[in-house]
Amino acid sequence: MLITRTPFRISFFGGGTDFKEYYDEFGGSVLSTSIDKYCYTTIRSLPPIFSYKSQLSYSKIERFSEVDEINHPLVRNALKFIPADRVQINYDADLPASSGIGSSSSFAVGLLQALHAIHNEYPDKMTLAKEAIHLERDLCGEAGGAQDQVIAAYGGINRINFYEDKIEVNPIITSERRLRALRENLMLVFTGFTHFSGEVSEEQKSRIKDNLPRLHEMKEMVGIAERILMDGDFDDFGRLLNHTWELKKTLSKIITNDEIECIYRKALENGAVGGKLLGAGSGGFMLLYVPKENQPGIKAALPSLRFVPFDFEKSGTQIMYEHND
């Protein structure tokens, strides 16, 4: 049996510039962090006594003898990429899927790491990230960016730069005291409904040429935010989140909706400095920058929503347990 643990992520700035259709020509840049909320992938050998060869458990249970019988596209293509016979694969997570915290990419990274490990292969983090990008974007044909796979593999707070022929991961070097202070001013709130990121990402991809001025500006914010994290005023970080959210909403007509705008407006009216919807948009988690003294007022103003405590994490994907069956 083998268990991998892979973190989810919060993307602060630069989302959209990590689309290949953008960074191949202009270079992309994002500022993201992994958080201490995880998905867990378990793989074990399945004894040959069953009428089926393998089993997959997530929100559904799939039993199959041939890979092409698998409904889950990511698992189906992963098992074509790294074959494994007579296995039971289980997926569990701390947060719901399709909620803007990079759950699909985290699962891709953790699953690939587990499949490699049962073949006694232990690729480095960049290899895992690139394989997960290939799995989701090429083999599964899903629209989207490339930051989620990288941050899930590496962990930590990073500026990630994307080019046509390479990816650079640059950890943000600042004191633990400053990171703690930043974390204390952030609130993660679930809007109450999930989204289908593929639809939003497809439209966003189709509008990249129209959105070039806004994407260029969003990329510039990454450098500004990096300098704030090093030695700036964190309230400026919150104001910058507000600005990037206003820009992000213009990238696609389905990124936001009336319910989301109502939540965000109430947050601003009750002490939030800024914030943004995480992931592709249209639902899921919202990140708010709120000075500590204003946070009780935010919770009182949004009593029906669930606030999720979190912390930053530094490890990235890991094999937590490994035992030969």
C-alpha atoms as a PDB file:
ATOM      1  CA  MET A   1       0.000   0.000   0.000  1.00  0.00           C
ATOM      2  CA  LEU A   2       1.121   3.526  -0.764  1.00  0.00           C
ATOM      3  CA  ILE A   3      -0.347   6.908   0.230  1.00  0.00           C
ATOM      4  CA  THR A   4       0.557  10.292  -1.223  1.00  0.00           C
ATOM      5  CA  ARG A   5      -0.467  13.638   0.278  1.00  0.00           C
ATOM      6  CA  THR A   6      -0.647  16.614  -2.078  1.00  0.00           C
ATOM      7  CA  PRO A   7      -1.522  20.188  -1.039  1.00  0.00           C
ATOM      8  CA  PHE A   8      -4.162  22.446  -2.506  1.00  0.00           C
ATOM      9  CA  ARG A   9      -3.225  25.990  -3.426  1.00  0.00           C
ATOM     10  CA  ILE A  10      -4.174  29.638  -3.301  1.00  0.00           C
ATOM     11  CA  SER A  11      -3.293  31.705  -6.358  1.00  0.00           C
ATOM     12  CA  PHE A  12      -2.683  35.349  -5.494  1.00  0.00           C
ATOM     13  CA  PHE A  13      -1.646  37.045  -8.730  1.00  0.00           C
ATOM     14  CA  GLY A  14      -0.948  36.350 -12.402  1.00  0.00           C
ATOM     15  CA  GLY A  15      -3.611  33.722 -13.049  1.00  0.00           C
ATOM     16  CA  GLY A  16      -4.366  33.570 -16.754  1.00  0.00           C
ATOM     17  CA  THR A  17      -0.782  34.308 -17.769  1.00  0.00           C
ATOM     18  CA  ASP A  18      -0.010  30.625 -17.040  1.00  0.00           C
ATOM     19  CA  PHE A  19      -2.032  29.550 -20.084  1.00  0.00           C
ATOM     20  CA  LYS A  20       0.285  28.119 -22.731  1.00  0.00           C
ATOM     21  CA  GLU A  21      -1.484  30.220 -25.341  1.00  0.00           C
ATOM     22  CA  TYR A  22      -0.228  33.297 -23.476  1.00  0.00           C
ATOM     23  CA  TYR A  23       3.159  32.380 -22.023  1.00  0.00           C
ATOM     24  CA  ASP A  24       4.567  30.767 -25.181  1.00  0.00           C
ATOM     25  CA  GLU A  25       4.584  34.240 -26.738  1.00  0.00           C
ATOM     26  CA  PHE A  26       4.811  36.674 -23.833  1.00  0.00           C
ATOM     27  CA  GLY A  27       6.084  34.703 -20.852  1.00  0.00           C
ATOM     28  CA  GLY A  28       3.831  34.227 -17.838  1.00  0.00           C
ATOM     29  CA  SER A  29       4.246  34.793 -14.122  1.00  0.00           C
ATOM     30  CA  VAL A  30       2.162  33.895 -11.075  1.00  0.00           C
ATOM     31  CA  LEU A  31       2.423  34.261  -7.316  1.00  0.00           C
ATOM     32  CA  SER A  32       0.911  31.262  -5.511  1.00  0.00           C
ATOM     33  CA  THR A  33       1.109  29.337  -2.270  1.00  0.00           C
ATOM     34  CA  SER A  34       0.258  25.833  -1.169  1.00  0.00           C
ATOM     35  CA  ILE A  35      -1.913  25.483   1.941  1.00  0.00           C
ATOM     36  CA  ASP A  36      -2.322  22.879   4.664  1.00  0.00           C
ATOM     37  CA  LYS A  37      -5.383  21.341   3.052  1.00  0.00           C
ATOM     38  CA  TYR A  38      -4.654  18.205   1.061  1.00  0.00           C
ATOM     39  CA  CYS A  39      -5.853  15.424  -1.164  1.00  0.00           C
ATOM     40  CA  TYR A  40      -4.774  11.868  -0.414  1.00  0.00           C
ATOM     41  CA  THR A  41      -4.244   9.187  -3.037  1.00  0.00           C
ATOM     42  CA  THR A  42      -4.030   5.589  -1.865  1.00  0.00           C
ATOM     43  CA  ILE A  43      -2.929   2.735  -4.108  1.00  0.00           C
ATOM     44  CA  ARG A  44      -2.762  -0.904  -3.139  1.00  0.00           C
ATOM     45  CA  SER A  45      -2.617  -4.204  -4.959  1.00  0.00           C
ATOM     46  CA  LEU A  46      -6.004  -5.807  -5.515  1.00  0.00           C
ATOM     47  CA  PRO A  47      -6.023  -9.591  -5.001  1.00  0.00           C
ATOM     48  CA  PRO A  48      -6.941 -11.635  -8.102  1.00  0.00           C
ATOM     49  CA  ILE A  49     -10.009 -13.145  -6.439  1.00  0.00           C
ATOM     50  CA  PHE A  50     -12.408 -10.459  -7.696  1.00  0.00           C
ATOM     51  CA  SER A  51     -14.270 -10.624 -11.002  1.00  0.00           C
ATOM     52  CA  TYR A  52     -12.746  -7.257 -11.957  1.00  0.00           C
ATOM     53  CA  LYS A  53      -9.081  -6.381 -12.080  1.00  0.00           C
ATOM     54  CA  SER A  54      -9.042  -2.884 -10.559  1.00  0.00           C
ATOM     55  CA  GLN A  55     -11.145  -0.431  -8.584  1.00  0.00           C
ATOM     56  CA  LEU A  56     -11.287   3.360  -8.371  1.00  0.00           C
ATOM     57  CA  SER A  57     -13.040   5.144  -5.483  1.00  0.00           C
ATOM     58  CA  TYR A  58     -13.755   8.879  -5.388  1.00  0.00           C
ATOM     59  CA  SER A  59     -17.285  10.301  -5.180  1.00  0.00           C
ATOM     60  CA  LYS A  60     -18.179   7.172  -7.158  1.00  0.00           C
ATOM     61  CA  ILE A  61     -16.862   3.629  -7.253  1.00  0.00           C
ATOM     62  CA  GLU A  62     -15.654   2.289 -10.589  1.00  0.00           C
ATOM     63  CA  ARG A  63     -14.667  -1.334 -11.094  1.00  0.00           C
ATOM     64  CA  PHE A  64     -12.930  -2.247 -14.315  1.00  0.00           C
ATOM     65  CA  SER A  65     -10.736  -4.759 -16.052  1.00  0.00           C
ATOM     66  CA  GLU A  66      -9.585  -2.577 -18.949  1.00  0.00           C
ATOM     67  CA  VAL A  67      -8.348   1.007 -18.742  1.00  0.00           C
ATOM     68  CA  ASP A  68     -10.742   2.207 -21.431  1.00  0.00           C
ATOM     69  CA  GLU A  69     -13.653   1.228 -19.173  1.00  0.00           C
ATOM     70  CA  ILE A  70     -12.771   3.995 -16.680  1.00  0.00           C
ATOM     71  CA  ASN A  71     -15.121   6.981 -16.738  1.00  0.00           C
ATOM     72  CA  HIS A  72     -12.827   9.337 -14.796  1.00  0.00           C
ATOM     73  CA  PRO A  73     -10.753  10.939 -17.593  1.00  0.00           C
ATOM     74  CA  LEU A  74      -7.757  11.874 -15.447  1.00  0.00           C
ATOM     75  CA  VAL A  75      -7.362   8.377 -13.988  1.00  0.00           C
ATOM     76  CA  ARG A  76      -8.018   6.731 -17.347  1.00  0.00           C
ATOM     77  CA  ASN A  77      -5.279   8.735 -19.063  1.00  0.00           C
ATOM     78  CA  ALA A  78      -2.905   8.463 -16.096  1.00  0.00           C
ATOM     79  CA  LEU A  79      -3.120   4.657 -16.259  1.00  0.00           C
ATOM     80  CA  LYS A  80      -2.390   4.789 -19.968  1.00  0.00           C
ATOM     81  CA  PHE A  81       0.603   7.033 -19.269  1.00  0.00           C
ATOM     82  CA  ILE A  82       1.892   4.878 -16.375  1.00  0.00           C
ATOM     83  CA  PRO A  83       0.221   1.460 -16.610  1.00  0.00           C
ATOM     84  CA  ALA A  84      -0.659  -0.440 -13.430  1.00  0.00           C
ATOM     85  CA  ASP A  85      -2.637  -3.664 -13.288  1.00  0.00           C
ATOM     86  CA  ARG A  86      -4.769  -5.042 -10.462  1.00  0.00           C
ATOM     87  CA  VAL A  87      -4.784  -1.939  -8.286  1.00  0.00           C
ATOM     88  CA  GLN A  88      -7.251  -0.214  -6.015  1.00  0.00           C
ATOM     89  CA  ILE A  89      -7.046   3.605  -6.152  1.00  0.00           C
ATOM     90  CA  ASN A  90      -8.782   5.778  -3.542  1.00  0.00           C
ATOM     91  CA  TYR A  91      -9.121   9.564  -3.545  1.00  0.00           C
ATOM     92  CA  ASP A  92      -9.900  11.563  -0.384  1.00  0.00           C
ATOM     93  CA  ALA A  93      -9.623  15.280   0.281  1.00  0.00           C
ATOM     94  CA  ASP A  94      -9.900  17.937   2.980  1.00  0.00           C
ATOM     95  CA  LEU A  95     -11.897  20.309   0.735  1.00  0.00           C
ATOM     96  CA  PRO A  96     -14.514  19.770  -1.993  1.00  0.00           C
ATOM     97  CA  ALA A  97     -13.538  19.394  -5.630  1.00  0.00           C
ATOM     98  CA  SER A  98     -14.351  22.086  -8.211  1.00  0.00           C
ATOM     99  CA  SER A  99     -13.941  24.843  -5.649  1.00  0.00           C
ATOM    100  CA  GLY A 100     -11.010  26.889  -6.978  1.00  0.00           C
ATOM    101  CA  ILE A 101      -8.186  25.450  -4.882  1.00  0.00           C
ATOM    102  CA  GLY A 102      -6.545  23.410  -7.677  1.00  0.00           C
ATOM    103  CA  SER A 103      -7.985  20.056  -6.598  1.00  0.00           C
ATOM    104  CA  SER A 104      -7.815  18.402 -10.021  1.00  0.00           C
ATOM    105  CA  SER A 105      -4.161  19.274 -10.512  1.00  0.00           C
ATOM    106  CA  SER A 106      -3.277  18.224  -6.967  1.00  0.00           C
ATOM    107  CA  PHE A 107      -4.902  14.859  -7.648  1.00  0.00           C
ATOM    108  CA  ALA A 108      -2.969  14.598 -10.927  1.00  0.00           C
ATOM    109  CA  VAL A 109       0.343  15.239  -9.177  1.00  0.00           C
ATOM    110  CA  GLY A 110      -0.390  12.883  -6.281  1.00  0.00           C
ATOM    111  CA  LEU A 111      -1.679  10.122  -8.549  1.00  0.00           C
ATOM    112  CA  LEU A 112       1.346  10.289 -10.839  1.00  0.00           C
ATOM    113  CA  GLN A 113       3.692  10.248  -7.854  1.00  0.00           C
ATOM    114  CA  ALA A 114       1.919   7.146  -6.520  1.00  0.00           C
ATOM    115  CA  LEU A 115       1.954   5.356  -9.876  1.00  0.00           C
ATOM    116  CA  HIS A 116       5.658   6.053 -10.275  1.00  0.00           C
ATOM    117  CA  ALA A 117       6.379   4.846  -6.746  1.00  0.00           C
ATOM    118  CA  ILE A 118       4.713   1.457  -7.209  1.00  0.00           C
ATOM    119  CA  HIS A 119       7.185   0.991 -10.078  1.00  0.00           C
ATOM    120  CA  ASN A 120      10.047   2.052  -7.750  1.00  0.00           C
ATOM    121  CA  GLU A 121      10.423   5.365  -9.581  1.00  0.00           C
ATOM    122  CA  TYR A 122      10.819   8.628  -7.661  1.00  0.00           C
ATOM    123  CA  PRO A 123      10.895  11.574 -10.080  1.00  0.00           C
ATOM    124  CA  ASP A 124      11.799  15.070  -8.922  1.00  0.00           C
ATOM    125  CA  LYS A 125       9.200  17.772  -8.371  1.00  0.00           C
ATOM    126  CA  MET A 126       9.654  19.471 -11.728  1.00  0.00           C
ATOM    127  CA  THR A 127       9.209  16.177 -13.553  1.00  0.00           C
ATOM    128  CA  LEU A 128       5.999  15.500 -11.625  1.00  0.00           C
ATOM    129  CA  ALA A 129       4.712  19.006 -12.362  1.00  0.00           C
ATOM    130  CA  LYS A 130       5.426  18.753 -16.094  1.00  0.00           C
ATOM    131  CA  GLU A 131       3.918  15.279 -16.319  1.00  0.00           C
ATOM    132  CA  ALA A 132       0.765  16.514 -14.548  1.00  0.00           C
ATOM    133  CA  ILE A 133       0.513  19.448 -16.978  1.00  0.00           C
ATOM    134  CA  HIS A 134       0.893  17.004 -19.869  1.00  0.00           C
ATOM    135  CA  LEU A 135      -1.737  14.699 -18.355  1.00  0.00           C
ATOM    136  CA  GLU A 136      -4.358  17.396 -17.855  1.00  0.00           C
ATOM    137  CA  ARG A 137      -3.746  19.667 -20.810  1.00  0.00           C
ATOM    138  CA  ASP A 138      -2.622  17.235 -23.527  1.00  0.00           C
ATOM    139  CA  LEU A 139      -3.850  13.747 -22.683  1.00  0.00           C
ATOM    140  CA  CYS A 140      -7.162  14.834 -21.138  1.00  0.00           C
ATOM    141  CA  GLY A 141      -7.521  17.873 -23.403  1.00  0.00           C
ATOM    142  CA  GLU A 142      -8.674  20.134 -20.558  1.00  0.00           C
ATOM    143  CA  ALA A 143      -8.275  23.899 -20.900  1.00  0.00           C
ATOM    144  CA  GLY A 144      -6.445  25.743 -18.148  1.00  0.00           C
ATOM    145  CA  GLY A 145      -3.151  27.000 -16.861  1.00  0.00           C
ATOM    146  CA  ALA A 146       0.021  25.387 -15.590  1.00  0.00           C
ATOM    147  CA  GLN A 147       0.524  26.922 -12.151  1.00  0.00           C
ATOM    148  CA  ASP A 148      -1.603  24.479 -10.126  1.00  0.00           C
ATOM    149  CA  GLN A 149       0.477  21.439 -10.998  1.00  0.00           C
ATOM    150  CA  VAL A 150       3.726  23.253 -10.173  1.00  0.00           C
ATOM    151  CA  ILE A 151       2.637  24.594  -6.793  1.00  0.00           C
ATOM    152  CA  ALA A 152       1.115  21.218  -5.837  1.00  0.00           C
ATOM    153  CA  ALA A 153       4.398  19.492  -6.601  1.00  0.00           C
ATOM    154  CA  TYR A 154       6.713  22.051  -4.987  1.00  0.00           C
ATOM    155  CA  GLY A 155       4.763  23.554  -2.094  1.00  0.00           C
ATOM    156  CA  GLY A 156       5.625  26.866  -0.445  1.00  0.00           C
ATOM    157  CA  ILE A 157       5.027  30.453  -1.555  1.00  0.00           C
ATOM    158  CA  ASN A 158       6.584  30.915  -4.979  1.00  0.00           C
ATOM    159  CA  ARG A 159       6.840  33.186  -7.932  1.00  0.00           C
ATOM    160  CA  ILE A 160       6.554  30.833 -10.890  1.00  0.00           C
ATOM    161  CA  ASN A 161       7.676  32.068 -14.304  1.00  0.00           C
ATOM    162  CA  PHE A 162       6.548  30.317 -17.481  1.00  0.00           C
ATOM    163  CA  TYR A 163       8.319  30.389 -20.823  1.00  0.00           C
ATOM    164  CA  GLU A 164       7.890  28.452 -24.047  1.00  0.00           C
ATOM    165  CA  ASP A 165      10.717  26.087 -23.151  1.00  0.00           C
ATOM    166  CA  LYS A 166      11.035  26.187 -19.361  1.00  0.00           C
ATOM    167  CA  ILE A 167       9.409  26.813 -15.982  1.00  0.00           C
ATOM    168  CA  GLU A 168      11.175  28.656 -13.166  1.00  0.00           C
ATOM    169  CA  VAL A 169      10.168  28.232  -9.510  1.00  0.00           C
ATOM    170  CA  ASN A 170      11.455  31.050  -7.284  1.00  0.00           C
ATOM    171  CA  PRO A 171      10.594  30.755  -3.576  1.00  0.00           C
ATOM    172  CA  ILE A 172       9.610  34.003  -1.848  1.00  0.00           C
ATOM    173  CA  ILE A 173      12.292  34.650   0.750  1.00  0.00           C
ATOM    174  CA  THR A 174      10.914  36.553   3.715  1.00  0.00           C
ATOM    175  CA  SER A 175      10.740  36.109   7.473  1.00  0.00           C
ATOM    176  CA  GLU A 176       8.405  33.699   9.236  1.00  0.00           C
ATOM    177  CA  ARG A 177       7.117  36.697  11.200  1.00  0.00           C
ATOM    178  CA  ARG A 178       5.994  38.441   8.022  1.00  0.00           C
ATOM    179  CA  LEU A 179       4.433  35.286   6.617  1.00  0.00           C
ATOM    180  CA  ARG A 180       2.524  34.795   9.856  1.00  0.00           C
ATOM    181  CA  ALA A 181       1.341  38.398   9.760  1.00  0.00           C
ATOM    182  CA  LEU A 182       0.134  37.968   6.181  1.00  0.00           C
ATOM    183  CA  ARG A 183      -1.644  34.744   7.020  1.00  0.00           C
ATOM    184  CA  GLU A 184      -3.424  36.368   9.980  1.00  0.00           C
ATOM    185  CA  ASN A 185      -4.955  38.925   7.620  1.00  0.00           C
ATOM    186  CA  LEU A 186      -6.325  36.372   5.140  1.00  0.00           C
ATOM    187  CA  MET A 187      -9.721  34.685   5.264  1.00  0.00           C
ATOM    188  CA  LEU A 188     -10.811  31.757   3.109  1.00  0.00           C
ATOM    189  CA  VAL A 189     -14.569  31.583   2.620  1.00  0.00           C
ATOM    190  CA  PHE A 190     -16.602  29.006   0.701  1.00  0.00           C
ATOM    191  CA  THR A 191     -19.250  30.677  -1.441  1.00  0.00           C
ATOM    192  CA  GLY A 192     -21.548  27.696  -1.042  1.00  0.00           C
ATOM    193  CA  PHE A 193     -21.467  26.412  -4.596  1.00  0.00           C
ATOM    194  CA  THR A 194     -18.867  24.699  -6.759  1.00  0.00           C
ATOM    195  CA  HIS A 195     -18.030  25.462 -10.369  1.00  0.00           C
ATOM    196  CA  PHE A 196     -17.028  23.785 -13.611  1.00  0.00           C
ATOM    197  CA  SER A 197     -13.638  25.332 -14.285  1.00  0.00           C
ATOM    198  CA  GLY A 198     -13.330  23.800 -17.761  1.00  0.00           C
ATOM    199  CA  GLU A 199     -16.126  25.928 -19.179  1.00  0.00           C
ATOM    200  CA  VAL A 200     -14.661  29.129 -17.735  1.00  0.00           C
ATOM    201  CA  SER A 201     -11.137  28.207 -18.834  1.00  0.00           C
ATOM    202  CA  GLU A 202     -12.275  27.404 -22.373  1.00  0.00           C
ATOM    203  CA  GLU A 203     -13.861  30.811 -22.767  1.00  0.00           C
ATOM    204  CA  GLN A 204     -10.877  32.523 -21.146  1.00  0.00           C
ATOM    205  CA  LYS A 205      -8.513  30.718 -23.531  1.00  0.00           C
ATOM    206  CA  SER A 206     -10.584  31.754 -26.533  1.00  0.00           C
ATOM    207  CA  ARG A 207     -10.367  35.422 -25.471  1.00  0.00           C
ATOM    208  CA  ILE A 208      -6.640  35.648 -24.735  1.00  0.00           C
ATOM    209  CA  LYS A 209      -5.933  37.908 -27.729  1.00  0.00           C
ATOM    210  CA  ASP A 210      -8.754  40.253 -26.727  1.00  0.00           C
ATOM    211  CA  ASN A 211      -7.537  40.278 -23.111  1.00  0.00           C
ATOM    212  CA  LEU A 212      -3.835  40.904 -23.768  1.00  0.00           C
ATOM    213  CA  PRO A 213      -3.649  44.395 -22.142  1.00  0.00           C
ATOM    214  CA  ARG A 214      -5.321  43.108 -18.971  1.00  0.00           C
ATOM    215  CA  LEU A 215      -3.204  39.962 -18.856  1.00  0.00           C
ATOM    216  CA  HIS A 216      -0.036  42.024 -19.252  1.00  0.00           C
ATOM    217  CA  GLU A 217      -1.133  44.212 -16.327  1.00  0.00           C
ATOM    218  CA  MET A 218      -1.979  41.176 -14.194  1.00  0.00           C
ATOM    219  CA  LYS A 219       1.491  39.785 -14.864  1.00  0.00           C
ATOM    220  CA  GLU A 220       3.074  43.075 -13.761  1.00  0.00           C
ATOM    221  CA  MET A 221       1.223  42.787 -10.448  1.00  0.00           C
ATOM    222  CA  VAL A 222       3.228  39.671  -9.597  1.00  0.00           C
ATOM    223  CA  GLY A 223       6.422  41.693  -9.238  1.00  0.00           C
ATOM    224  CA  ILE A 224       4.643  44.383  -7.226  1.00  0.00           C
ATOM    225  CA  ALA A 225       3.147  41.779  -4.877  1.00  0.00           C
ATOM    226  CA  GLU A 226       6.517  40.065  -4.493  1.00  0.00           C
ATOM    227  CA  ARG A 227       8.093  43.315  -3.318  1.00  0.00           C
ATOM    228  CA  ILE A 228       5.230  43.879  -0.864  1.00  0.00           C
ATOM    229  CA  LEU A 229       5.803  40.430   0.626  1.00  0.00           C
ATOM    230  CA  MET A 230       9.475  41.183   1.078  1.00  0.00           C
ATOM    231  CA  ASP A 231       9.214  44.469   2.971  1.00  0.00           C
ATOM    232  CA  GLY A 232       6.004  46.338   2.112  1.00  0.00           C
ATOM    233  CA  ASP A 233       2.720  47.190   3.803  1.00  0.00           C
ATOM    234  CA  PHE A 234       0.416  44.179   3.708  1.00  0.00           C
ATOM    235  CA  ASP A 235      -2.641  46.400   3.318  1.00  0.00           C
ATOM    236  CA  ASP A 236      -1.223  47.222  -0.116  1.00  0.00           C
ATOM    237  CA  PHE A 237      -1.297  43.487  -0.799  1.00  0.00           C
ATOM    238  CA  GLY A 238      -5.021  43.535  -0.045  1.00  0.00           C
ATOM    239  CA  ARG A 239      -5.629  46.528  -2.282  1.00  0.00           C
ATOM    240  CA  LEU A 240      -3.722  44.805  -5.066  1.00  0.00           C
ATOM    241  CA  LEU A 241      -5.950  41.724  -4.659  1.00  0.00           C
ATOM    242  CA  ASN A 242      -8.957  43.953  -5.183  1.00  0.00           C
ATOM    243  CA  HIS A 243      -7.423  45.394  -8.351  1.00  0.00           C
ATOM    244  CA  THR A 244      -6.554  41.986  -9.806  1.00  0.00           C
ATOM    245  CA  TRP A 245     -10.101  40.783  -9.085  1.00  0.00           C
ATOM    246  CA  GLU A 246     -11.561  43.734 -10.960  1.00  0.00           C
ATOM    247  CA  LEU A 247      -9.332  42.854 -13.919  1.00  0.00           C
ATOM    248  CA  LYS A 248     -10.007  39.128 -13.685  1.00  0.00           C
ATOM    249  CA  LYS A 249     -13.748  39.679 -13.955  1.00  0.00           C
ATOM    250  CA  THR A 250     -13.258  41.200 -17.410  1.00  0.00           C
ATOM    251  CA  LEU A 251     -11.476  38.114 -18.809  1.00  0.00           C
ATOM    252  CA  SER A 252     -14.702  36.126 -19.140  1.00  0.00           C
ATOM    253  CA  LYS A 253     -18.383  36.930 -18.772  1.00  0.00           C
ATOM    254  CA  ILE A 254     -18.953  33.832 -16.595  1.00  0.00           C
ATOM    255  CA  ILE A 255     -16.192  34.370 -14.013  1.00  0.00           C
ATOM    256  CA  THR A 256     -18.559  36.072 -11.593  1.00  0.00           C
ATOM    257  CA  ASN A 257     -22.295  36.347 -10.925  1.00  0.00           C
ATOM    258  CA  ASP A 258     -24.740  38.270  -8.743  1.00  0.00           C
ATOM    259  CA  GLU A 259     -24.295  35.991  -5.729  1.00  0.00           C
ATOM    260  CA  ILE A 260     -20.514  36.302  -5.805  1.00  0.00           C
ATOM    261  CA  GLU A 261     -20.680  40.066  -6.231  1.00  0.00           C
ATOM    262  CA  CYS A 262     -23.069  40.313  -3.273  1.00  0.00           C
ATOM    263  CA  ILE A 263     -20.659  38.365  -1.043  1.00  0.00           C
ATOM    264  CA  TYR A 264     -17.710  40.488  -2.091  1.00  0.00           C
ATOM    265  CA  ARG A 265     -19.578  43.763  -1.675  1.00  0.00           C
ATOM    266  CA  LYS A 266     -20.653  42.818   1.854  1.00  0.00           C
ATOM    267  CA  ALA A 267     -17.062  41.899   2.686  1.00  0.00           C
ATOM    268  CA  LEU A 268     -15.775  45.282   1.522  1.00  0.00           C
ATOM    269  CA  GLU A 269     -18.529  47.095   3.407  1.00  0.00           C
ATOM    270  CA  ASN A 270     -17.547  45.335   6.623  1.00  0.00           C
ATOM    271  CA  GLY A 271     -13.789  45.803   6.674  1.00  0.00           C
ATOM    272  CA  ALA A 272     -12.177  43.755   3.919  1.00  0.00           C
ATOM    273  CA  VAL A 273      -9.468  45.631   2.020  1.00  0.00           C
ATOM    274  CA  GLY A 274      -9.617  43.360  -1.008  1.00  0.00           C
ATOM    275  CA  GLY A 275      -9.979  39.828  -2.212  1.00  0.00           C
ATOM    276  CA  LYS A 276     -10.704  37.614  -5.184  1.00  0.00           C
ATOM    277  CA  LEU A 277     -12.444  34.452  -6.220  1.00  0.00           C
ATOM    278  CA  LEU A 278      -9.978  31.582  -6.453  1.00  0.00           C
ATOM    279  CA  GLY A 279      -9.498  29.390  -9.486  1.00  0.00           C
ATOM    280  CA  ALA A 280     -11.242  29.836 -12.810  1.00  0.00           C
ATOM    281  CA  GLY A 281     -14.256  31.563 -11.273  1.00  0.00           C
ATOM    282  CA  SER A 282     -18.057  31.263 -11.076  1.00  0.00           C
ATOM    283  CA  GLY A 283     -18.000  29.661  -7.614  1.00  0.00           C
ATOM    284  CA  GLY A 284     -15.867  27.891  -5.054  1.00  0.00           C
ATOM    285  CA  PHE A 285     -13.629  29.634  -2.525  1.00  0.00           C
ATOM    286  CA  MET A 286     -13.080  33.351  -2.139  1.00  0.00           C
ATOM    287  CA  LEU A 287      -9.926  34.753  -0.561  1.00  0.00           C
ATOM    288  CA  LEU A 288     -10.315  37.953   1.456  1.00  0.00           C
ATOM    289  CA  TYR A 289      -7.671  40.249   2.876  1.00  0.00           C
ATOM    290  CA  VAL A 290      -9.109  41.507   6.177  1.00  0.00           C
ATOM    291  CA  PRO A 291      -7.168  43.126   9.045  1.00  0.00           C
ATOM    292  CA  LYS A 292      -7.565  40.930  12.141  1.00  0.00           C
ATOM    293  CA  GLU A 293      -9.663  43.468  14.034  1.00  0.00           C
ATOM    294  CA  ASN A 294     -12.254  43.496  11.219  1.00  0.00           C
ATOM    295  CA  GLN A 295     -12.620  39.733  10.842  1.00  0.00           C
ATOM    296  CA  PRO A 296     -15.441  39.240  13.400  1.00  0.00           C
ATOM    297  CA  GLY A 297     -17.488  41.806  11.459  1.00  0.00           C
ATOM    298  CA  ILE A 298     -16.963  39.888   8.220  1.00  0.00           C
ATOM    299  CA  LYS A 299     -18.225  36.672   9.781  1.00  0.00           C
ATOM    300  CA  ALA A 300     -21.230  38.476  11.249  1.00  0.00           C
ATOM    301  CA  ALA A 301     -22.065  40.015   7.861  1.00  0.00           C
ATOM    302  CA  LEU A 302     -21.848  36.634   6.082  1.00  0.00           C
ATOM    303  CA  PRO A 303     -23.371  34.239   8.639  1.00  0.00           C
ATOM    304  CA  SER A 304     -24.507  31.615   6.124  1.00  0.00           C
ATOM    305  CA  LEU A 305     -21.040  31.068   4.665  1.00  0.00           C
ATOM    306  CA  ARG A 306     -18.354  28.718   5.910  1.00  0.00           C
ATOM    307  CA  PHE A 307     -14.953  30.193   6.787  1.00  0.00           C
ATOM    308  CA  VAL A 308     -12.120  27.673   6.550  1.00  0.00           C
ATOM    309  CA  PRO A 309      -9.033  28.162   8.725  1.00  0.00           C
ATOM    310  CA  PHE A 310      -5.795  27.424   6.914  1.00  0.00           C
ATOM    311  CA  ASP A 311      -2.060  27.928   7.044  1.00  0.00           C
ATOM    312  CA  PHE A 312       0.705  28.031   4.472  1.00  0.00           C
ATOM    313  CA  GLU A 313       2.650  24.818   3.887  1.00  0.00           C
ATOM    314  CA  LYS A 314       6.093  24.197   2.446  1.00  0.00           C
ATOM    315  CA  SER A 315       6.420  20.511   1.583  1.00  0.00           C
ATOM    316  CA  GLY A 316       4.494  20.000  -1.634  1.00  0.00           C
ATOM    317  CA  THR A 317       3.475  16.494  -2.622  1.00  0.00           C
ATOM    318  CA  GLN A 318       4.856  13.707  -0.449  1.00  0.00           C
ATOM    319  CA  ILE A 319       4.730   9.959  -0.066  1.00  0.00           C
ATOM    320  CA  MET A 320       3.332   9.583   3.448  1.00  0.00           C
ATOM    321  CA  TYR A 321       3.242   5.799   3.661  1.00  0.00           C
ATOM    322  CA  GLU A 322       4.802   3.032   1.595  1.00  0.00           C
ATOM    323  CA  HIS A 323       4.687  -0.685   2.300  1.00  0.00           C
ATOM    324  CA  ASN A 324       5.156  -3.553  -0.102  1.00  0.00           C
ATOM    325  CA  ASP A 325       2.049  -5.699  -0.212  1.00  0.00           C
END
